[in-house]
Amino acid sequence: MHEAEASTQQGMPRVLVFIIALVCGLFLALTVHIALTAKGVGLTSALRELFPTSTDQLKSALAWWAIGIAGCLGSWGTILLLRKTSPGGPVQRLVRLGLGLAFFGLLAAAGHEATSGPAGKAAVTMAVNLAAMGLGTFMAFCAAHFALRR
């Protein structure tokens, strides 16, 4: 009974907030993955040569961390935005609109970068993309789970 009252006070059910946060975190993680891959700092930088250098391994590790942090921050920020702001004030509406447009712009830019990505082996590219999606989903899930419990 208490959880039903809490969900009606927030305006949206907790499950819907969780799903929205999970999707936003995943999309932000994939956006970071696509942008880093287009710049040559993606997850496959250590797999390009037979004997990778330490800088290639560092680039690959930084890409893993950037994707994970982006998924976590995207999900956590979405929950904070959905839970803490009431739909009433004009300033809050402008903040939501601005953040929504910025998120849409990031996704559009990532889509543009994805079309001009580096050519590589299809199997390796698919495996790396699935790994990035899995990492982004896991981090977004963890952030959404812990942010909703607070």
Protein backbone atom coordinates (compact mmCIF):
# COMPACT_ATOMS: atom_id res chain seq x y z
CA MET A 1 0.00 0.00 0.00
CA HIS A 2 2.81 2.37 0.90
CA GLU A 3 4.63 1.68 -2.41
CA ALA A 4 1.46 2.39 -4.41
CA GLU A 5 1.10 5.75 -2.66
CA ALA A 6 4.76 6.58 -3.32
CA SER A 7 4.42 5.82 -7.03
CA THR A 8 1.36 8.03 -7.39
CA GLN A 9 3.08 10.87 -5.54
CA GLN A 10 6.00 10.74 -7.96
CA GLY A 11 3.74 10.80 -10.98
CA MET A 12 5.14 7.66 -12.62
CA PRO A 13 5.31 4.06 -11.44
CA ARG A 14 8.71 2.85 -10.25
CA VAL A 15 8.90 0.22 -12.98
CA LEU A 16 8.47 2.85 -15.70
CA VAL A 17 11.12 5.06 -14.11
CA PHE A 18 13.45 2.05 -13.94
CA ILE A 19 12.91 1.13 -17.59
CA ILE A 20 13.38 4.71 -18.80
CA ALA A 21 16.59 5.03 -16.78
CA LEU A 22 17.89 1.70 -18.05
CA VAL A 23 17.28 2.64 -21.68
CA CYS A 24 18.82 6.10 -21.28
CA GLY A 25 21.90 4.66 -19.60
CA LEU A 26 22.29 2.04 -22.32
CA PHE A 27 21.91 4.61 -25.09
CA LEU A 28 24.47 6.91 -23.48
CA ALA A 29 26.93 4.03 -23.10
CA LEU A 30 26.47 3.05 -26.75
CA THR A 31 26.90 6.69 -27.77
CA VAL A 32 30.23 6.83 -25.95
CA HIS A 33 31.26 3.50 -27.52
CA ILE A 34 30.45 4.73 -31.03
CA ALA A 35 32.20 8.06 -30.50
CA LEU A 36 35.34 6.44 -29.11
CA THR A 37 35.42 3.85 -31.90
CA ALA A 38 35.11 6.57 -34.53
CA LYS A 39 38.05 8.42 -32.92
CA GLY A 40 40.20 5.27 -32.89
CA VAL A 41 40.17 4.81 -29.11
CA GLY A 42 37.64 1.99 -29.03
CA LEU A 43 37.65 -1.39 -27.42
CA THR A 44 39.49 -3.00 -30.32
CA SER A 45 42.57 -0.79 -30.15
CA ALA A 46 44.49 -3.57 -28.40
CA LEU A 47 43.32 -6.15 -30.98
CA ARG A 48 44.58 -4.35 -34.09
CA GLU A 49 48.11 -5.72 -34.00
CA LEU A 50 49.64 -9.04 -33.11
CA PHE A 51 51.76 -7.50 -30.33
CA PRO A 52 49.89 -4.53 -28.89
CA THR A 53 51.80 -1.79 -27.13
CA SER A 54 51.00 -0.53 -23.69
CA THR A 55 49.34 2.59 -25.15
CA ASP A 56 46.95 0.42 -27.15
CA GLN A 57 46.07 -1.51 -24.02
CA LEU A 58 45.61 1.74 -22.10
CA LYS A 59 43.30 3.11 -24.80
CA SER A 60 41.24 -0.07 -24.68
CA ALA A 61 41.02 0.03 -20.87
CA LEU A 62 40.00 3.69 -20.90
CA ALA A 63 37.30 2.89 -23.44
CA TRP A 64 35.92 0.15 -21.14
CA TRP A 65 35.84 2.56 -18.22
CA ALA A 66 34.27 5.35 -20.27
CA ILE A 67 31.49 3.08 -21.51
CA GLY A 68 30.76 1.75 -18.03
CA ILE A 69 30.75 5.19 -16.43
CA ALA A 70 28.55 6.61 -19.19
CA GLY A 71 25.97 3.85 -18.68
CA CYS A 72 26.02 4.38 -14.94
CA LEU A 73 25.78 8.18 -15.08
CA GLY A 74 23.11 8.14 -17.78
CA SER A 75 20.86 5.86 -15.76
CA TRP A 76 21.52 7.59 -12.45
CA GLY A 77 21.02 11.06 -13.89
CA THR A 78 17.74 10.03 -15.52
CA ILE A 79 16.41 8.69 -12.24
CA LEU A 80 17.43 11.84 -10.41
CA LEU A 81 15.79 13.96 -13.06
CA LEU A 82 12.57 11.93 -13.00
CA ARG A 83 12.32 11.60 -9.23
CA LYS A 84 13.48 14.92 -7.84
CA THR A 85 11.83 17.40 -10.17
CA SER A 86 8.15 18.11 -10.07
CA PRO A 87 6.42 18.76 -13.37
CA GLY A 88 5.21 22.19 -12.26
CA GLY A 89 7.88 24.90 -12.52
CA PRO A 90 8.85 26.59 -15.80
CA VAL A 91 12.56 26.47 -14.93
CA GLN A 92 12.36 22.74 -14.33
CA ARG A 93 10.58 22.26 -17.64
CA LEU A 94 13.32 24.17 -19.43
CA VAL A 95 16.00 22.08 -17.71
CA ARG A 96 14.24 18.88 -18.75
CA LEU A 97 13.79 20.14 -22.30
CA GLY A 98 17.43 21.21 -22.54
CA LEU A 99 18.72 17.90 -21.23
CA GLY A 100 16.38 15.98 -23.52
CA LEU A 101 17.56 17.95 -26.55
CA ALA A 102 21.21 17.48 -25.56
CA PHE A 103 20.64 13.72 -25.21
CA PHE A 104 18.90 13.62 -28.59
CA GLY A 105 21.78 15.57 -30.13
CA LEU A 106 24.32 13.12 -28.70
CA LEU A 107 22.39 10.18 -30.12
CA ALA A 108 22.13 11.86 -33.53
CA ALA A 109 25.85 12.62 -33.57
CA ALA A 110 26.65 9.04 -32.60
CA GLY A 111 24.44 7.77 -35.41
CA HIS A 112 26.34 9.97 -37.83
CA GLU A 113 29.68 8.71 -36.51
CA ALA A 114 28.52 5.09 -36.70
CA THR A 115 28.03 5.31 -40.45
CA SER A 116 31.65 6.34 -40.94
CA GLY A 117 33.21 3.88 -38.51
CA PRO A 118 36.47 2.06 -39.17
CA ALA A 119 36.40 -1.00 -41.37
CA GLY A 120 37.30 -4.26 -39.67
CA LYS A 121 36.44 -7.88 -39.39
CA ALA A 122 32.73 -8.38 -38.97
CA ALA A 123 32.95 -11.04 -36.25
CA VAL A 124 35.31 -9.00 -34.07
CA THR A 125 33.25 -5.85 -34.56
CA MET A 126 30.05 -7.67 -33.65
CA ALA A 127 31.60 -9.21 -30.55
CA VAL A 128 32.97 -5.89 -29.38
CA ASN A 129 29.65 -4.14 -29.98
CA LEU A 130 27.80 -6.81 -28.01
CA ALA A 131 30.35 -6.56 -25.20
CA ALA A 132 29.93 -2.79 -25.07
CA MET A 133 26.16 -3.17 -25.04
CA GLY A 134 26.37 -5.74 -22.26
CA LEU A 135 28.65 -3.53 -20.18
CA GLY A 136 26.44 -0.50 -20.69
CA THR A 137 23.31 -2.45 -19.80
CA PHE A 138 24.89 -3.92 -16.67
CA MET A 139 26.14 -0.56 -15.40
CA ALA A 140 22.83 1.15 -16.21
CA PHE A 141 20.96 -1.61 -14.39
CA CYS A 142 23.18 -1.31 -11.32
CA ALA A 143 22.85 2.47 -11.20
CA ALA A 144 19.08 2.35 -11.68
CA HIS A 145 18.69 -0.35 -9.06
CA PHE A 146 20.68 1.46 -6.42
CA ALA A 147 19.28 4.92 -7.23
CA LEU A 148 15.69 3.69 -6.96
CA ARG A 149 16.37 2.08 -3.58
CA ARG A 150 17.36 5.43 -2.08
